[in-house]
All heavy atoms as atom14 arrays in JSON, in Angstrom:
{
  "sequence": "GWPTDDTIEQLKADYIAAADPEAQKAVGEK",
  "atom14_mask": [
    [1, 1, 1, 1, 0, 0, 0, 0, 0, 0, 0, 0, 0, 0],
    [1, 1, 1, 1, 1, 1, 1, 1, 1, 1, 1, 1, 1, 1],
    [1, 1, 1, 1, 1, 1, 1, 0, 0, 0, 0, 0, 0, 0],
    [1, 1, 1, 1, 1, 1, 1, 0, 0, 0, 0, 0, 0, 0],
    [1, 1, 1, 1, 1, 1, 1, 1, 0, 0, 0, 0, 0, 0],
    [1, 1, 1, 1, 1, 1, 1, 1, 0, 0, 0, 0, 0, 0],
    [1, 1, 1, 1, 1, 1, 1, 0, 0, 0, 0, 0, 0, 0],
    [1, 1, 1, 1, 1, 1, 1, 1, 0, 0, 0, 0, 0, 0],
    [1, 1, 1, 1, 1, 1, 1, 1, 1, 0, 0, 0, 0, 0],
    [1, 1, 1, 1, 1, 1, 1, 1, 1, 0, 0, 0, 0, 0],
    [1, 1, 1, 1, 1, 1, 1, 1, 0, 0, 0, 0, 0, 0],
    [1, 1, 1, 1, 1, 1, 1, 1, 1, 0, 0, 0, 0, 0],
    [1, 1, 1, 1, 1, 0, 0, 0, 0, 0, 0, 0, 0, 0],
    [1, 1, 1, 1, 1, 1, 1, 1, 0, 0, 0, 0, 0, 0],
    [1, 1, 1, 1, 1, 1, 1, 1, 1, 1, 1, 1, 0, 0],
    [1, 1, 1, 1, 1, 1, 1, 1, 0, 0, 0, 0, 0, 0],
    [1, 1, 1, 1, 1, 0, 0, 0, 0, 0, 0, 0, 0, 0],
    [1, 1, 1, 1, 1, 0, 0, 0, 0, 0, 0, 0, 0, 0],
    [1, 1, 1, 1, 1, 0, 0, 0, 0, 0, 0, 0, 0, 0],
    [1, 1, 1, 1, 1, 1, 1, 1, 0, 0, 0, 0, 0, 0],
    [1, 1, 1, 1, 1, 1, 1, 0, 0, 0, 0, 0, 0, 0],
    [1, 1, 1, 1, 1, 1, 1, 1, 1, 0, 0, 0, 0, 0],
    [1, 1, 1, 1, 1, 0, 0, 0, 0, 0, 0, 0, 0, 0],
    [1, 1, 1, 1, 1, 1, 1, 1, 1, 0, 0, 0, 0, 0],
    [1, 1, 1, 1, 1, 1, 1, 1, 1, 0, 0, 0, 0, 0],
    [1, 1, 1, 1, 1, 0, 0, 0, 0, 0, 0, 0, 0, 0],
    [1, 1, 1, 1, 1, 1, 1, 0, 0, 0, 0, 0, 0, 0],
    [1, 1, 1, 1, 0, 0, 0, 0, 0, 0, 0, 0, 0, 0],
    [1, 1, 1, 1, 1, 1, 1, 1, 1, 0, 0, 0, 0, 0],
    [1, 1, 1, 1, 1, 1, 1, 1, 1, 0, 0, 0, 0, 0]
  ],
  "atom14_positions": [
    [[-12.22, -11.34, -11.64], [-13.0, -10.98, -10.43], [-13.28, -9.42, -10.43], [-14.31, -9.08, -9.91], [0.0, 0.0, 0.0], [0.0, 0.0, 0.0], [0.0, 0.0, 0.0], [0.0, 0.0, 0.0], [0.0, 0.0, 0.0], [0.0, 0.0, 0.0], [0.0, 0.0, 0.0], [0.0, 0.0, 0.0], [0.0, 0.0, 0.0], [0.0, 0.0, 0.0]],
    [[-12.32, -8.67, -11.01], [-12.57, -7.27, -11.4], [-13.12, -6.37, -10.34], [-14.04, -5.64, -10.5], [-13.51, -7.24, -12.65], [-12.98, -8.12, -13.73], [-12.04, -7.85, -14.63], [-13.47, -9.42, -14.09], [-11.78, -8.89, -15.47], [-12.74, -9.92, -15.18], [-14.59, -10.23, -13.62], [-12.92, -11.09, -15.76], [-14.75, -11.45, -14.18], [-13.9, -11.88, -15.2]],
    [[-12.44, -6.35, -9.15], [-12.85, -5.47, -8.08], [-12.47, -3.99, -8.43], [-11.39, -3.77, -9.05], [-12.08, -5.82, -6.84], [-10.82, -6.58, -7.42], [-11.26, -7.22, -8.69], [0.0, 0.0, 0.0], [0.0, 0.0, 0.0], [0.0, 0.0, 0.0], [0.0, 0.0, 0.0], [0.0, 0.0, 0.0], [0.0, 0.0, 0.0], [0.0, 0.0, 0.0]],
    [[-13.26, -3.03, -8.08], [-12.9, -1.62, -8.18], [-12.65, -1.15, -6.74], [-13.62, -1.13, -5.89], [-14.11, -0.81, -8.8], [-14.33, -1.29, -10.05], [-13.78, 0.71, -8.8], [0.0, 0.0, 0.0], [0.0, 0.0, 0.0], [0.0, 0.0, 0.0], [0.0, 0.0, 0.0], [0.0, 0.0, 0.0], [0.0, 0.0, 0.0], [0.0, 0.0, 0.0]],
    [[-11.48, -0.81, -6.34], [-11.04, -0.53, -5.04], [-9.99, 0.56, -5.02], [-8.82, 0.31, -5.18], [-10.51, -1.86, -4.43], [-10.33, -1.79, -2.91], [-9.99, -0.69, -2.38], [-10.48, -2.77, -2.21], [0.0, 0.0, 0.0], [0.0, 0.0, 0.0], [0.0, 0.0, 0.0], [0.0, 0.0, 0.0], [0.0, 0.0, 0.0], [0.0, 0.0, 0.0]],
    [[-10.44, 1.77, -4.88], [-9.49, 2.92, -4.84], [-8.53, 2.85, -3.63], [-7.36, 3.28, -3.73], [-10.27, 4.22, -4.83], [-10.99, 4.45, -6.18], [-10.62, 3.78, -7.17], [-11.92, 5.18, -6.11], [0.0, 0.0, 0.0], [0.0, 0.0, 0.0], [0.0, 0.0, 0.0], [0.0, 0.0, 0.0], [0.0, 0.0, 0.0], [0.0, 0.0, 0.0]],
    [[-9.07, 2.25, -2.53], [-8.28, 2.15, -1.25], [-7.0, 1.3, -1.5], [-5.86, 1.63, -1.11], [-9.08, 1.67, -0.13], [-10.23, 2.63, 0.08], [-8.23, 1.66, 1.07], [0.0, 0.0, 0.0], [0.0, 0.0, 0.0], [0.0, 0.0, 0.0], [0.0, 0.0, 0.0], [0.0, 0.0, 0.0], [0.0, 0.0, 0.0], [0.0, 0.0, 0.0]],
    [[-7.16, 0.2, -2.15], [-6.01, -0.7, -2.32], [-4.99, -0.13, -3.24], [-3.8, -0.2, -3.09], [-6.43, -2.17, -2.79], [-5.3, -3.15, -2.62], [-6.83, -2.07, -4.3], [-5.0, -3.39, -1.14], [0.0, 0.0, 0.0], [0.0, 0.0, 0.0], [0.0, 0.0, 0.0], [0.0, 0.0, 0.0], [0.0, 0.0, 0.0], [0.0, 0.0, 0.0]],
    [[-5.49, 0.7, -4.24], [-4.63, 1.35, -5.13], [-3.82, 2.44, -4.42], [-2.57, 2.57, -4.63], [-5.34, 1.95, -6.31], [-5.91, 0.95, -7.22], [-4.94, 0.01, -7.9], [-3.91, 0.55, -8.39], [-5.05, -1.24, -7.88], [0.0, 0.0, 0.0], [0.0, 0.0, 0.0], [0.0, 0.0, 0.0], [0.0, 0.0, 0.0], [0.0, 0.0, 0.0]],
    [[-4.43, 3.11, -3.53], [-3.7, 4.18, -2.71], [-2.77, 3.63, -1.8], [-1.63, 4.14, -1.56], [-4.66, 5.08, -1.89], [-4.07, 6.15, -1.16], [-3.26, 7.13, -1.97], [-3.8, 7.63, -2.97], [-2.02, 7.29, -1.71], [0.0, 0.0, 0.0], [0.0, 0.0, 0.0], [0.0, 0.0, 0.0], [0.0, 0.0, 0.0], [0.0, 0.0, 0.0]],
    [[-3.07, 2.41, -1.19], [-2.2, 1.69, -0.26], [-0.97, 1.31, -1.03], [0.16, 1.25, -0.43], [-2.89, 0.58, 0.38], [-3.93, 0.96, 1.45], [-4.68, -0.27, 1.93], [-3.12, 1.59, 2.71], [0.0, 0.0, 0.0], [0.0, 0.0, 0.0], [0.0, 0.0, 0.0], [0.0, 0.0, 0.0], [0.0, 0.0, 0.0], [0.0, 0.0, 0.0]],
    [[-1.2, 0.84, -2.21], [0.09, 0.4, -2.98], [0.95, 1.61, -3.35], [2.17, 1.49, -3.37], [-0.44, -0.3, -4.32], [-0.95, -1.67, -3.96], [-1.23, -2.5, -5.28], [-2.16, -1.96, -6.21], [-2.4, -2.74, -7.43], [0.0, 0.0, 0.0], [0.0, 0.0, 0.0], [0.0, 0.0, 0.0], [0.0, 0.0, 0.0], [0.0, 0.0, 0.0]],
    [[0.41, 2.74, -3.56], [1.09, 3.97, -3.8], [1.9, 4.35, -2.57], [3.01, 4.8, -2.55], [0.22, 5.13, -4.18], [0.0, 0.0, 0.0], [0.0, 0.0, 0.0], [0.0, 0.0, 0.0], [0.0, 0.0, 0.0], [0.0, 0.0, 0.0], [0.0, 0.0, 0.0], [0.0, 0.0, 0.0], [0.0, 0.0, 0.0], [0.0, 0.0, 0.0]],
    [[1.26, 4.17, -1.39], [1.82, 4.45, -0.12], [3.02, 3.5, 0.06], [4.11, 3.9, 0.7], [0.88, 4.27, 1.03], [-0.23, 5.34, 1.09], [-0.03, 6.34, 0.33], [-1.25, 5.05, 1.72], [0.0, 0.0, 0.0], [0.0, 0.0, 0.0], [0.0, 0.0, 0.0], [0.0, 0.0, 0.0], [0.0, 0.0, 0.0], [0.0, 0.0, 0.0]],
    [[2.93, 2.25, -0.33], [3.99, 1.28, -0.26], [5.25, 1.67, -1.13], [6.25, 1.58, -0.67], [3.53, -0.14, -0.64], [4.55, -1.17, -0.71], [4.89, -1.85, 0.5], [5.28, -1.55, -1.81], [5.84, -2.84, 0.62], [6.3, -2.5, -1.84], [6.52, -3.14, -0.65], [7.57, -4.08, -0.6], [0.0, 0.0, 0.0], [0.0, 0.0, 0.0]],
    [[4.9, 2.16, -2.29], [6.01, 2.65, -3.19], [6.7, 3.8, -2.59], [7.91, 3.89, -2.73], [5.37, 2.98, -4.53], [4.85, 1.68, -5.24], [6.48, 3.64, -5.45], [4.01, 1.97, -6.52], [0.0, 0.0, 0.0], [0.0, 0.0, 0.0], [0.0, 0.0, 0.0], [0.0, 0.0, 0.0], [0.0, 0.0, 0.0], [0.0, 0.0, 0.0]],
    [[6.0, 4.65, -1.89], [6.55, 5.87, -1.34], [7.23, 5.65, -0.02], [7.91, 6.54, 0.53], [5.44, 6.95, -1.23], [0.0, 0.0, 0.0], [0.0, 0.0, 0.0], [0.0, 0.0, 0.0], [0.0, 0.0, 0.0], [0.0, 0.0, 0.0], [0.0, 0.0, 0.0], [0.0, 0.0, 0.0], [0.0, 0.0, 0.0], [0.0, 0.0, 0.0]],
    [[7.03, 4.45, 0.56], [7.63, 4.23, 1.95], [9.12, 4.36, 1.98], [9.82, 3.95, 1.01], [7.16, 2.81, 2.4], [0.0, 0.0, 0.0], [0.0, 0.0, 0.0], [0.0, 0.0, 0.0], [0.0, 0.0, 0.0], [0.0, 0.0, 0.0], [0.0, 0.0, 0.0], [0.0, 0.0, 0.0], [0.0, 0.0, 0.0], [0.0, 0.0, 0.0]],
    [[9.67, 4.95, 2.98], [11.06, 5.32, 2.96], [12.01, 4.21, 3.22], [13.19, 4.24, 2.93], [11.21, 6.49, 3.99], [0.0, 0.0, 0.0], [0.0, 0.0, 0.0], [0.0, 0.0, 0.0], [0.0, 0.0, 0.0], [0.0, 0.0, 0.0], [0.0, 0.0, 0.0], [0.0, 0.0, 0.0], [0.0, 0.0, 0.0], [0.0, 0.0, 0.0]],
    [[11.49, 3.24, 4.02], [12.42, 2.1, 4.39], [11.6, 0.86, 4.65], [10.36, 0.86, 4.6], [13.12, 2.48, 5.73], [12.19, 3.05, 6.78], [11.2, 2.28, 7.08], [12.52, 3.95, 7.48], [0.0, 0.0, 0.0], [0.0, 0.0, 0.0], [0.0, 0.0, 0.0], [0.0, 0.0, 0.0], [0.0, 0.0, 0.0], [0.0, 0.0, 0.0]],
    [[12.26, -0.31, 4.88], [11.53, -1.54, 5.11], [10.48, -1.52, 6.24], [9.46, -2.15, 6.1], [12.61, -2.53, 5.43], [13.87, -2.01, 4.64], [13.76, -0.54, 4.83], [0.0, 0.0, 0.0], [0.0, 0.0, 0.0], [0.0, 0.0, 0.0], [0.0, 0.0, 0.0], [0.0, 0.0, 0.0], [0.0, 0.0, 0.0], [0.0, 0.0, 0.0]],
    [[10.78, -0.79, 7.3], [9.8, -0.67, 8.42], [8.62, 0.01, 7.99], [7.46, -0.36, 8.28], [10.53, -0.01, 9.61], [11.45, -0.86, 10.37], [10.84, -2.15, 10.88], [9.7, -2.06, 11.44], [11.38, -3.15, 10.7], [0.0, 0.0, 0.0], [0.0, 0.0, 0.0], [0.0, 0.0, 0.0], [0.0, 0.0, 0.0], [0.0, 0.0, 0.0]],
    [[8.77, 1.06, 7.19], [7.62, 1.85, 6.68], [6.76, 0.93, 5.66], [5.53, 0.93, 5.71], [8.05, 3.16, 6.0], [0.0, 0.0, 0.0], [0.0, 0.0, 0.0], [0.0, 0.0, 0.0], [0.0, 0.0, 0.0], [0.0, 0.0, 0.0], [0.0, 0.0, 0.0], [0.0, 0.0, 0.0], [0.0, 0.0, 0.0], [0.0, 0.0, 0.0]],
    [[7.54, 0.2, 4.88], [6.87, -0.72, 3.98], [6.09, -1.73, 4.73], [4.88, -2.11, 4.38], [7.89, -1.45, 3.05], [8.49, -0.5, 2.02], [9.51, -1.23, 1.16], [10.17, -2.17, 1.57], [9.69, -0.87, -0.04], [0.0, 0.0, 0.0], [0.0, 0.0, 0.0], [0.0, 0.0, 0.0], [0.0, 0.0, 0.0], [0.0, 0.0, 0.0]],
    [[6.61, -2.3, 5.72], [5.94, -3.29, 6.64], [4.63, -2.73, 7.23], [3.62, -3.39, 7.29], [6.86, -3.81, 7.71], [6.29, -5.06, 8.54], [7.36, -5.57, 9.45], [6.78, -6.77, 10.14], [7.81, -7.39, 11.06], [0.0, 0.0, 0.0], [0.0, 0.0, 0.0], [0.0, 0.0, 0.0], [0.0, 0.0, 0.0], [0.0, 0.0, 0.0]],
    [[4.68, -1.47, 7.7], [3.47, -0.85, 8.3], [2.47, -0.71, 7.2], [1.26, -0.97, 7.44], [3.89, 0.6, 8.79], [0.0, 0.0, 0.0], [0.0, 0.0, 0.0], [0.0, 0.0, 0.0], [0.0, 0.0, 0.0], [0.0, 0.0, 0.0], [0.0, 0.0, 0.0], [0.0, 0.0, 0.0], [0.0, 0.0, 0.0], [0.0, 0.0, 0.0]],
    [[2.79, -0.34, 5.97], [1.81, -0.3, 4.92], [1.27, -1.68, 4.53], [0.07, -1.9, 4.31], [2.36, 0.38, 3.64], [1.36, 0.43, 2.6], [2.83, 1.8, 3.95], [0.0, 0.0, 0.0], [0.0, 0.0, 0.0], [0.0, 0.0, 0.0], [0.0, 0.0, 0.0], [0.0, 0.0, 0.0], [0.0, 0.0, 0.0], [0.0, 0.0, 0.0]],
    [[2.15, -2.66, 4.57], [1.84, -4.0, 4.21], [0.77, -4.54, 5.25], [-0.22, -5.28, 4.87], [0.0, 0.0, 0.0], [0.0, 0.0, 0.0], [0.0, 0.0, 0.0], [0.0, 0.0, 0.0], [0.0, 0.0, 0.0], [0.0, 0.0, 0.0], [0.0, 0.0, 0.0], [0.0, 0.0, 0.0], [0.0, 0.0, 0.0], [0.0, 0.0, 0.0]],
    [[0.89, -4.19, 6.55], [-0.1, -4.48, 7.56], [-1.54, -3.94, 7.12], [-2.51, -4.61, 7.3], [0.29, -4.01, 8.87], [-0.63, -4.43, 10.06], [-0.27, -5.72, 10.65], [0.88, -6.19, 10.39], [-1.07, -6.26, 11.29], [0.0, 0.0, 0.0], [0.0, 0.0, 0.0], [0.0, 0.0, 0.0], [0.0, 0.0, 0.0], [0.0, 0.0, 0.0]],
    [[-1.53, -2.65, 6.69], [-2.79, -1.98, 6.22], [-3.38, -2.69, 4.98], [-4.55, -2.9, 4.92], [-2.55, -0.47, 6.01], [-2.19, 0.3, 7.19], [-1.93, 1.78, 6.8], [-1.53, 2.51, 8.06], [-1.2, 3.92, 7.72], [0.0, 0.0, 0.0], [0.0, 0.0, 0.0], [0.0, 0.0, 0.0], [0.0, 0.0, 0.0], [0.0, 0.0, 0.0]]
  ]
}
């Protein structure tokens, strides 16, 4: 399908950097 999507790559980086499960959940919502 090969999407080019810089936003989803940044959101995954935000998920990795999330400090705790609640922060991960907030990024997951985005």
